[in-house]
mmCIF file of all heavy atoms, coordinates in Angstrom:
data_MODEL
# 
_entry.id   MODEL 
# 
loop_
_atom_site.group_PDB 
_atom_site.id 
_atom_site.type_symbol 
_atom_site.label_atom_id 
_atom_site.label_alt_id 
_atom_site.label_comp_id 
_atom_site.label_asym_id 
_atom_site.label_entity_id 
_atom_site.label_seq_id 
_atom_site.pdbx_PDB_ins_code 
_atom_site.Cartn_x 
_atom_site.Cartn_y 
_atom_site.Cartn_z 
_atom_site.occupancy 
_atom_site.B_iso_or_equiv 
_atom_site.pdbx_formal_charge 
_atom_site.auth_seq_id 
_atom_site.auth_comp_id 
_atom_site.auth_asym_id 
_atom_site.auth_atom_id 
_atom_site.pdbx_PDB_model_num 
ATOM 1   N N   . ARG A 1 1  ? -96.647  -11.536 14.781  1.00 0.00 ? 1  ARG A N   1 
ATOM 2   C CA  . ARG A 1 1  ? -96.506  -11.212 16.161  1.00 0.00 ? 1  ARG A CA  1 
ATOM 3   C C   . ARG A 1 1  ? -97.448  -11.940 16.970  1.00 0.00 ? 1  ARG A C   1 
ATOM 4   O O   . ARG A 1 1  ? -98.455  -12.451 16.414  1.00 0.00 ? 1  ARG A O   1 
ATOM 5   C CB  . ARG A 1 1  ? -96.497  -9.736  16.420  1.00 0.00 ? 1  ARG A CB  1 
ATOM 6   C CG  . ARG A 1 1  ? -97.860  -9.030  16.187  1.00 0.00 ? 1  ARG A CG  1 
ATOM 7   C CD  . ARG A 1 1  ? -97.676  -7.535  16.457  1.00 0.00 ? 1  ARG A CD  1 
ATOM 8   N NE  . ARG A 1 1  ? -97.050  -7.166  17.641  1.00 0.00 ? 1  ARG A NE  1 
ATOM 9   C CZ  . ARG A 1 1  ? -97.317  -5.988  18.314  1.00 0.00 ? 1  ARG A CZ  1 
ATOM 10  N NH1 . ARG A 1 1  ? -97.979  -5.108  17.805  1.00 0.00 ? 1  ARG A NH1 1 
ATOM 11  N NH2 . ARG A 1 1  ? -96.608  -5.820  19.467  1.00 0.00 ? 1  ARG A NH2 1 
ATOM 12  N N   . THR A 1 2  ? -97.239  -12.152 18.173  1.00 0.00 ? 2  THR A N   1 
ATOM 13  C CA  . THR A 1 2  ? -98.070  -13.065 19.058  1.00 0.00 ? 2  THR A CA  1 
ATOM 14  C C   . THR A 1 2  ? -99.055  -12.346 19.931  1.00 0.00 ? 2  THR A C   1 
ATOM 15  O O   . THR A 1 2  ? -99.890  -12.982 20.630  1.00 0.00 ? 2  THR A O   1 
ATOM 16  C CB  . THR A 1 2  ? -97.259  -14.029 19.941  1.00 0.00 ? 2  THR A CB  1 
ATOM 17  O OG1 . THR A 1 2  ? -96.302  -13.114 20.730  1.00 0.00 ? 2  THR A OG1 1 
ATOM 18  C CG2 . THR A 1 2  ? -96.348  -14.905 18.954  1.00 0.00 ? 2  THR A CG2 1 
ATOM 19  N N   . GLY A 1 3  ? -99.113  -11.007 19.727  1.00 0.00 ? 3  GLY A N   1 
ATOM 20  C CA  . GLY A 1 3  ? -100.140 -10.270 20.552  1.00 0.00 ? 3  GLY A CA  1 
ATOM 21  C C   . GLY A 1 3  ? -99.962  -8.751  20.133  1.00 0.00 ? 3  GLY A C   1 
ATOM 22  O O   . GLY A 1 3  ? -99.059  -8.391  19.528  1.00 0.00 ? 3  GLY A O   1 
ATOM 23  N N   . GLY A 1 4  ? -100.893 -7.877  20.700  1.00 0.00 ? 4  GLY A N   1 
ATOM 24  C CA  . GLY A 1 4  ? -100.898 -6.544  20.454  1.00 0.00 ? 4  GLY A CA  1 
ATOM 25  C C   . GLY A 1 4  ? -101.546 -6.113  19.257  1.00 0.00 ? 4  GLY A C   1 
ATOM 26  O O   . GLY A 1 4  ? -102.417 -6.656  18.758  1.00 0.00 ? 4  GLY A O   1 
ATOM 27  N N   . SER A 1 5  ? -101.081 -5.006  18.695  1.00 0.00 ? 5  SER A N   1 
ATOM 28  C CA  . SER A 1 5  ? -101.699 -4.382  17.555  1.00 0.00 ? 5  SER A CA  1 
ATOM 29  C C   . SER A 1 5  ? -101.266 -5.036  16.225  1.00 0.00 ? 5  SER A C   1 
ATOM 30  O O   . SER A 1 5  ? -100.131 -5.478  16.203  1.00 0.00 ? 5  SER A O   1 
ATOM 31  C CB  . SER A 1 5  ? -101.319 -2.851  17.435  1.00 0.00 ? 5  SER A CB  1 
ATOM 32  O OG  . SER A 1 5  ? -101.908 -2.136  18.701  1.00 0.00 ? 5  SER A OG  1 
ATOM 33  N N   . CYS A 1 6  ? -102.144 -4.995  15.216  1.00 0.00 ? 6  CYS A N   1 
ATOM 34  C CA  . CYS A 1 6  ? -101.720 -5.764  14.070  1.00 0.00 ? 6  CYS A CA  1 
ATOM 35  C C   . CYS A 1 6  ? -101.527 -4.848  12.827  1.00 0.00 ? 6  CYS A C   1 
ATOM 36  O O   . CYS A 1 6  ? -101.281 -5.370  11.762  1.00 0.00 ? 6  CYS A O   1 
ATOM 37  C CB  . CYS A 1 6  ? -102.851 -6.770  13.664  1.00 0.00 ? 6  CYS A CB  1 
ATOM 38  S SG  . CYS A 1 6  ? -103.027 -8.068  14.775  1.00 0.00 ? 6  CYS A SG  1 
ATOM 39  N N   . TYR A 1 7  ? -101.755 -3.483  13.116  1.00 0.00 ? 7  TYR A N   1 
ATOM 40  C CA  . TYR A 1 7  ? -101.474 -2.613  11.897  1.00 0.00 ? 7  TYR A CA  1 
ATOM 41  C C   . TYR A 1 7  ? -100.092 -2.801  11.426  1.00 0.00 ? 7  TYR A C   1 
ATOM 42  O O   . TYR A 1 7  ? -99.183  -3.259  12.047  1.00 0.00 ? 7  TYR A O   1 
ATOM 43  C CB  . TYR A 1 7  ? -101.883 -1.174  12.274  1.00 0.00 ? 7  TYR A CB  1 
ATOM 44  C CG  . TYR A 1 7  ? -100.882 -0.547  13.428  1.00 0.00 ? 7  TYR A CG  1 
ATOM 45  C CD1 . TYR A 1 7  ? -99.936  0.284   13.001  1.00 0.00 ? 7  TYR A CD1 1 
ATOM 46  C CD2 . TYR A 1 7  ? -101.129 -0.829  14.708  1.00 0.00 ? 7  TYR A CD2 1 
ATOM 47  C CE1 . TYR A 1 7  ? -99.119  0.844   13.983  1.00 0.00 ? 7  TYR A CE1 1 
ATOM 48  C CE2 . TYR A 1 7  ? -100.400 -0.185  15.659  1.00 0.00 ? 7  TYR A CE2 1 
ATOM 49  C CZ  . TYR A 1 7  ? -99.403  0.513   15.298  1.00 0.00 ? 7  TYR A CZ  1 
ATOM 50  O OH  . TYR A 1 7  ? -98.540  1.212   16.274  1.00 0.00 ? 7  TYR A OH  1 
ATOM 51  N N   . ILE A 1 8  ? -99.857  -2.315  10.163  1.00 0.00 ? 8  ILE A N   1 
ATOM 52  C CA  . ILE A 1 8  ? -98.516  -2.566  9.516   1.00 0.00 ? 8  ILE A CA  1 
ATOM 53  C C   . ILE A 1 8  ? -97.424  -1.730  10.242  1.00 0.00 ? 8  ILE A C   1 
ATOM 54  O O   . ILE A 1 8  ? -96.331  -2.088  9.919   1.00 0.00 ? 8  ILE A O   1 
ATOM 55  C CB  . ILE A 1 8  ? -98.664  -2.343  7.931   1.00 0.00 ? 8  ILE A CB  1 
ATOM 56  C CG1 . ILE A 1 8  ? -99.183  -0.995  7.669   1.00 0.00 ? 8  ILE A CG1 1 
ATOM 57  C CG2 . ILE A 1 8  ? -99.548  -3.284  7.392   1.00 0.00 ? 8  ILE A CG2 1 
ATOM 58  C CD1 . ILE A 1 8  ? -99.152  -0.709  6.208   1.00 0.00 ? 8  ILE A CD1 1 
ATOM 59  N N   . GLY A 1 9  ? -97.665  -0.919  10.928  1.00 0.00 ? 9  GLY A N   1 
ATOM 60  C CA  . GLY A 1 9  ? -96.743  -0.104  11.653  1.00 0.00 ? 9  GLY A CA  1 
ATOM 61  C C   . GLY A 1 9  ? -96.321  -0.682  12.992  1.00 0.00 ? 9  GLY A C   1 
ATOM 62  O O   . GLY A 1 9  ? -95.364  -0.238  13.682  1.00 0.00 ? 9  GLY A O   1 
ATOM 63  N N   . ALA A 1 10 ? -96.978  -1.688  13.345  1.00 0.00 ? 10 ALA A N   1 
ATOM 64  C CA  . ALA A 1 10 ? -96.666  -2.367  14.617  1.00 0.00 ? 10 ALA A CA  1 
ATOM 65  C C   . ALA A 1 10 ? -95.370  -3.161  14.614  1.00 0.00 ? 10 ALA A C   1 
ATOM 66  O O   . ALA A 1 10 ? -94.856  -3.409  13.568  1.00 0.00 ? 10 ALA A O   1 
ATOM 67  C CB  . ALA A 1 10 ? -97.815  -3.246  15.113  1.00 0.00 ? 10 ALA A CB  1 
ATOM 68  N N   . GLU A 1 11 ? -94.980  -3.500  15.815  1.00 0.00 ? 11 GLU A N   1 
ATOM 69  C CA  . GLU A 1 11 ? -93.703  -4.276  15.819  1.00 0.00 ? 11 GLU A CA  1 
ATOM 70  C C   . GLU A 1 11 ? -94.025  -5.702  15.624  1.00 0.00 ? 11 GLU A C   1 
ATOM 71  O O   . GLU A 1 11 ? -94.383  -6.521  16.464  1.00 0.00 ? 11 GLU A O   1 
ATOM 72  C CB  . GLU A 1 11 ? -93.021  -3.970  17.253  1.00 0.00 ? 11 GLU A CB  1 
ATOM 73  C CG  . GLU A 1 11 ? -91.698  -4.717  17.363  1.00 0.00 ? 11 GLU A CG  1 
ATOM 74  C CD  . GLU A 1 11 ? -91.053  -4.283  18.713  1.00 0.00 ? 11 GLU A CD  1 
ATOM 75  O OE1 . GLU A 1 11 ? -91.681  -3.613  19.483  1.00 0.00 ? 11 GLU A OE1 1 
ATOM 76  O OE2 . GLU A 1 11 ? -89.955  -4.900  18.970  1.00 0.00 ? 11 GLU A OE2 1 
ATOM 77  N N   . TYR A 1 12 ? -93.614  -6.224  14.523  1.00 0.00 ? 12 TYR A N   1 
ATOM 78  C CA  . TYR A 1 12 ? -93.583  -7.609  14.291  1.00 0.00 ? 12 TYR A CA  1 
ATOM 79  C C   . TYR A 1 12 ? -92.377  -8.260  14.626  1.00 0.00 ? 12 TYR A C   1 
ATOM 80  O O   . TYR A 1 12 ? -91.293  -7.828  14.311  1.00 0.00 ? 12 TYR A O   1 
ATOM 81  C CB  . TYR A 1 12 ? -94.002  -7.760  12.806  1.00 0.00 ? 12 TYR A CB  1 
ATOM 82  C CG  . TYR A 1 12 ? -95.364  -7.666  12.454  1.00 0.00 ? 12 TYR A CG  1 
ATOM 83  C CD1 . TYR A 1 12 ? -95.982  -6.394  12.372  1.00 0.00 ? 12 TYR A CD1 1 
ATOM 84  C CD2 . TYR A 1 12 ? -96.241  -8.732  12.221  1.00 0.00 ? 12 TYR A CD2 1 
ATOM 85  C CE1 . TYR A 1 12 ? -97.275  -6.091  12.029  1.00 0.00 ? 12 TYR A CE1 1 
ATOM 86  C CE2 . TYR A 1 12 ? -97.677  -8.562  12.019  1.00 0.00 ? 12 TYR A CE2 1 
ATOM 87  C CZ  . TYR A 1 12 ? -98.116  -7.261  11.797  1.00 0.00 ? 12 TYR A CZ  1 
ATOM 88  O OH  . TYR A 1 12 ? -99.382  -7.113  11.685  1.00 0.00 ? 12 TYR A OH  1 
ATOM 89  N N   . THR A 1 13 ? -92.527  -9.488  15.112  1.00 0.00 ? 13 THR A N   1 
ATOM 90  C CA  . THR A 1 13 ? -91.441  -10.124 15.935  1.00 0.00 ? 13 THR A CA  1 
ATOM 91  C C   . THR A 1 13 ? -90.812  -11.210 15.049  1.00 0.00 ? 13 THR A C   1 
ATOM 92  O O   . THR A 1 13 ? -89.513  -11.420 15.141  1.00 0.00 ? 13 THR A O   1 
ATOM 93  C CB  . THR A 1 13 ? -91.908  -10.820 17.184  1.00 0.00 ? 13 THR A CB  1 
ATOM 94  O OG1 . THR A 1 13 ? -92.550  -9.863  18.059  1.00 0.00 ? 13 THR A OG1 1 
ATOM 95  C CG2 . THR A 1 13 ? -90.846  -11.373 17.984  1.00 0.00 ? 13 THR A CG2 1 
ATOM 96  N N   . TYR A 1 14 ? -91.667  -12.017 14.322  1.00 0.00 ? 14 TYR A N   1 
ATOM 97  C CA  . TYR A 1 14 ? -91.073  -13.078 13.506  1.00 0.00 ? 14 TYR A CA  1 
ATOM 98  C C   . TYR A 1 14 ? -91.089  -12.750 12.069  1.00 0.00 ? 14 TYR A C   1 
ATOM 99  O O   . TYR A 1 14 ? -91.938  -12.236 11.637  1.00 0.00 ? 14 TYR A O   1 
ATOM 100 C CB  . TYR A 1 14 ? -91.894  -14.384 13.868  1.00 0.00 ? 14 TYR A CB  1 
ATOM 101 C CG  . TYR A 1 14 ? -91.791  -14.646 15.286  1.00 0.00 ? 14 TYR A CG  1 
ATOM 102 C CD1 . TYR A 1 14 ? -92.885  -14.259 16.187  1.00 0.00 ? 14 TYR A CD1 1 
ATOM 103 C CD2 . TYR A 1 14 ? -90.855  -15.516 15.836  1.00 0.00 ? 14 TYR A CD2 1 
ATOM 104 C CE1 . TYR A 1 14 ? -92.778  -14.625 17.511  1.00 0.00 ? 14 TYR A CE1 1 
ATOM 105 C CE2 . TYR A 1 14 ? -90.727  -15.862 17.137  1.00 0.00 ? 14 TYR A CE2 1 
ATOM 106 C CZ  . TYR A 1 14 ? -91.695  -15.364 18.002  1.00 0.00 ? 14 TYR A CZ  1 
ATOM 107 O OH  . TYR A 1 14 ? -91.747  -15.776 19.307  1.00 0.00 ? 14 TYR A OH  1 
ATOM 108 N N   . TRP A 1 15 ? -90.041  -13.326 11.288  1.00 0.00 ? 15 TRP A N   1 
ATOM 109 C CA  . TRP A 1 15 ? -90.008  -12.990 9.966   1.00 0.00 ? 15 TRP A CA  1 
ATOM 110 C C   . TRP A 1 15 ? -89.583  -14.191 9.254   1.00 0.00 ? 15 TRP A C   1 
ATOM 111 O O   . TRP A 1 15 ? -88.782  -15.066 9.657   1.00 0.00 ? 15 TRP A O   1 
ATOM 112 C CB  . TRP A 1 15 ? -88.813  -12.001 9.731   1.00 0.00 ? 15 TRP A CB  1 
ATOM 113 C CG  . TRP A 1 15 ? -89.347  -10.609 10.348  1.00 0.00 ? 15 TRP A CG  1 
ATOM 114 C CD1 . TRP A 1 15 ? -89.167  -10.280 11.667  1.00 0.00 ? 15 TRP A CD1 1 
ATOM 115 C CD2 . TRP A 1 15 ? -90.046  -9.593  9.768   1.00 0.00 ? 15 TRP A CD2 1 
ATOM 116 N NE1 . TRP A 1 15 ? -89.581  -9.022  11.984  1.00 0.00 ? 15 TRP A NE1 1 
ATOM 117 C CE2 . TRP A 1 15 ? -90.205  -8.556  10.764  1.00 0.00 ? 15 TRP A CE2 1 
ATOM 118 C CE3 . TRP A 1 15 ? -90.479  -9.340  8.509   1.00 0.00 ? 15 TRP A CE3 1 
ATOM 119 C CZ2 . TRP A 1 15 ? -90.775  -7.324  10.475  1.00 0.00 ? 15 TRP A CZ2 1 
ATOM 120 C CZ3 . TRP A 1 15 ? -91.021  -8.096  8.213   1.00 0.00 ? 15 TRP A CZ3 1 
ATOM 121 C CH2 . TRP A 1 15 ? -91.231  -7.094  9.273   1.00 0.00 ? 15 TRP A CH2 1 
ATOM 122 N N   . GLY A 1 16 ? -90.016  -14.333 7.908   1.00 0.00 ? 16 GLY A N   1 
ATOM 123 C CA  . GLY A 1 16 ? -89.508  -15.280 7.067   1.00 0.00 ? 16 GLY A CA  1 
ATOM 124 C C   . GLY A 1 16 ? -88.263  -14.743 6.332   1.00 0.00 ? 16 GLY A C   1 
ATOM 125 O O   . GLY A 1 16 ? -87.881  -13.678 6.493   1.00 0.00 ? 16 GLY A O   1 
ATOM 126 N N   . ARG A 1 17 ? -87.746  -15.632 5.450   1.00 0.00 ? 17 ARG A N   1 
ATOM 127 C CA  . ARG A 1 17 ? -86.579  -15.182 4.764   1.00 0.00 ? 17 ARG A CA  1 
ATOM 128 C C   . ARG A 1 17 ? -86.898  -14.441 3.587   1.00 0.00 ? 17 ARG A C   1 
ATOM 129 O O   . ARG A 1 17 ? -85.936  -13.730 2.940   1.00 0.00 ? 17 ARG A O   1 
ATOM 130 C CB  . ARG A 1 17 ? -85.746  -16.387 4.383   1.00 0.00 ? 17 ARG A CB  1 
ATOM 131 C CG  . ARG A 1 17 ? -85.137  -17.153 5.524   1.00 0.00 ? 17 ARG A CG  1 
ATOM 132 C CD  . ARG A 1 17 ? -84.194  -18.241 5.214   1.00 0.00 ? 17 ARG A CD  1 
ATOM 133 N NE  . ARG A 1 17 ? -83.416  -18.753 6.235   1.00 0.00 ? 17 ARG A NE  1 
ATOM 134 C CZ  . ARG A 1 17 ? -82.613  -19.691 6.155   1.00 0.00 ? 17 ARG A CZ  1 
ATOM 135 N NH1 . ARG A 1 17 ? -82.256  -20.225 4.974   1.00 0.00 ? 17 ARG A NH1 1 
ATOM 136 N NH2 . ARG A 1 17 ? -82.011  -20.220 7.251   1.00 0.00 ? 17 ARG A NH2 1 
ATOM 137 N N   . GLY A 1 18 ? -88.025  -14.305 3.044   1.00 0.00 ? 18 GLY A N   1 
ATOM 138 C CA  . GLY A 1 18 ? -88.500  -13.498 1.911   1.00 0.00 ? 18 GLY A CA  1 
ATOM 139 C C   . GLY A 1 18 ? -88.583  -14.224 0.524   1.00 0.00 ? 18 GLY A C   1 
ATOM 140 O O   . GLY A 1 18 ? -88.033  -15.428 0.415   1.00 0.00 ? 18 GLY A O   1 
ATOM 141 N N   . THR A 1 19 ? -89.370  -13.636 -0.206  1.00 0.00 ? 19 THR A N   1 
ATOM 142 C CA  . THR A 1 19 ? -89.423  -14.141 -1.657  1.00 0.00 ? 19 THR A CA  1 
ATOM 143 C C   . THR A 1 19 ? -89.391  -12.947 -2.680  1.00 0.00 ? 19 THR A C   1 
ATOM 144 O O   . THR A 1 19 ? -90.066  -11.878 -2.311  1.00 0.00 ? 19 THR A O   1 
ATOM 145 C CB  . THR A 1 19 ? -90.828  -15.016 -1.825  1.00 0.00 ? 19 THR A CB  1 
ATOM 146 O OG1 . THR A 1 19 ? -90.709  -15.645 -3.138  1.00 0.00 ? 19 THR A OG1 1 
ATOM 147 C CG2 . THR A 1 19 ? -91.940  -14.102 -1.592  1.00 0.00 ? 19 THR A CG2 1 
ATOM 148 N N   . GLN A 1 20 ? -88.586  -13.195 -3.667  1.00 0.00 ? 20 GLN A N   1 
ATOM 149 C CA  . GLN A 1 20 ? -88.404  -11.975 -4.481  1.00 0.00 ? 20 GLN A CA  1 
ATOM 150 C C   . GLN A 1 20 ? -89.447  -11.759 -5.568  1.00 0.00 ? 20 GLN A C   1 
ATOM 151 O O   . GLN A 1 20 ? -89.915  -12.782 -6.125  1.00 0.00 ? 20 GLN A O   1 
ATOM 152 C CB  . GLN A 1 20 ? -87.098  -12.207 -5.273  1.00 0.00 ? 20 GLN A CB  1 
ATOM 153 C CG  . GLN A 1 20 ? -86.510  -11.099 -6.217  1.00 0.00 ? 20 GLN A CG  1 
ATOM 154 C CD  . GLN A 1 20 ? -86.382  -9.826  -5.445  1.00 0.00 ? 20 GLN A CD  1 
ATOM 155 O OE1 . GLN A 1 20 ? -85.698  -9.716  -4.369  1.00 0.00 ? 20 GLN A OE1 1 
ATOM 156 N NE2 . GLN A 1 20 ? -86.923  -8.748  -5.852  1.00 0.00 ? 20 GLN A NE2 1 
ATOM 157 N N   . VAL A 1 21 ? -89.922  -10.626 -5.726  1.00 0.00 ? 21 VAL A N   1 
ATOM 158 C CA  . VAL A 1 21 ? -90.889  -10.142 -6.741  1.00 0.00 ? 21 VAL A CA  1 
ATOM 159 C C   . VAL A 1 21 ? -90.237  -9.224  -7.632  1.00 0.00 ? 21 VAL A C   1 
ATOM 160 O O   . VAL A 1 21 ? -89.759  -8.132  -7.192  1.00 0.00 ? 21 VAL A O   1 
ATOM 161 C CB  . VAL A 1 21 ? -92.187  -9.708  -6.144  1.00 0.00 ? 21 VAL A CB  1 
ATOM 162 C CG1 . VAL A 1 21 ? -93.041  -9.051  -7.256  1.00 0.00 ? 21 VAL A CG1 1 
ATOM 163 C CG2 . VAL A 1 21 ? -92.845  -10.744 -5.442  1.00 0.00 ? 21 VAL A CG2 1 
ATOM 164 N N   . THR A 1 22 ? -90.190  -9.396  -8.959  1.00 0.00 ? 22 THR A N   1 
ATOM 165 C CA  . THR A 1 22 ? -89.594  -8.532  -9.887  1.00 0.00 ? 22 THR A CA  1 
ATOM 166 C C   . THR A 1 22 ? -90.575  -8.213  -10.949 1.00 0.00 ? 22 THR A C   1 
ATOM 167 O O   . THR A 1 22 ? -91.030  -9.142  -11.627 1.00 0.00 ? 22 THR A O   1 
ATOM 168 C CB  . THR A 1 22 ? -88.261  -9.120  -10.522 1.00 0.00 ? 22 THR A CB  1 
ATOM 169 O OG1 . THR A 1 22 ? -87.359  -9.388  -9.503  1.00 0.00 ? 22 THR A OG1 1 
ATOM 170 C CG2 . THR A 1 22 ? -87.711  -8.080  -11.395 1.00 0.00 ? 22 THR A CG2 1 
ATOM 171 N N   . VAL A 1 23 ? -90.908  -7.030  -11.180 1.00 0.00 ? 23 VAL A N   1 
ATOM 172 C CA  . VAL A 1 23 ? -91.954  -6.552  -12.132 1.00 0.00 ? 23 VAL A CA  1 
ATOM 173 C C   . VAL A 1 23 ? -91.211  -5.782  -13.305 1.00 0.00 ? 23 VAL A C   1 
ATOM 174 O O   . VAL A 1 23 ? -90.621  -4.741  -12.943 1.00 0.00 ? 23 VAL A O   1 
ATOM 175 C CB  . VAL A 1 23 ? -92.941  -5.824  -11.523 1.00 0.00 ? 23 VAL A CB  1 
ATOM 176 C CG1 . VAL A 1 23 ? -94.176  -5.468  -12.551 1.00 0.00 ? 23 VAL A CG1 1 
ATOM 177 C CG2 . VAL A 1 23 ? -93.686  -6.606  -10.336 1.00 0.00 ? 23 VAL A CG2 1 
ATOM 178 N N   . SER A 1 24 ? -91.238  -6.147  -14.438 1.00 0.00 ? 24 SER A N   1 
ATOM 179 C CA  . SER A 1 24 ? -90.591  -5.499  -15.504 1.00 0.00 ? 24 SER A CA  1 
ATOM 180 C C   . SER A 1 24 ? -91.707  -4.753  -16.355 1.00 0.00 ? 24 SER A C   1 
ATOM 181 O O   . SER A 1 24 ? -92.786  -5.119  -16.546 1.00 0.00 ? 24 SER A O   1 
ATOM 182 C CB  . SER A 1 24 ? -89.941  -6.407  -16.449 1.00 0.00 ? 24 SER A CB  1 
ATOM 183 O OG  . SER A 1 24 ? -88.931  -7.234  -15.734 1.00 0.00 ? 24 SER A OG  1 
# 
């Protein structure tokens, strides 16, 4: 996000497409 609060409950605006993590 480009401003405001940074805690993980904040509203993040921009997102990547993701990367998969699998733990067996």
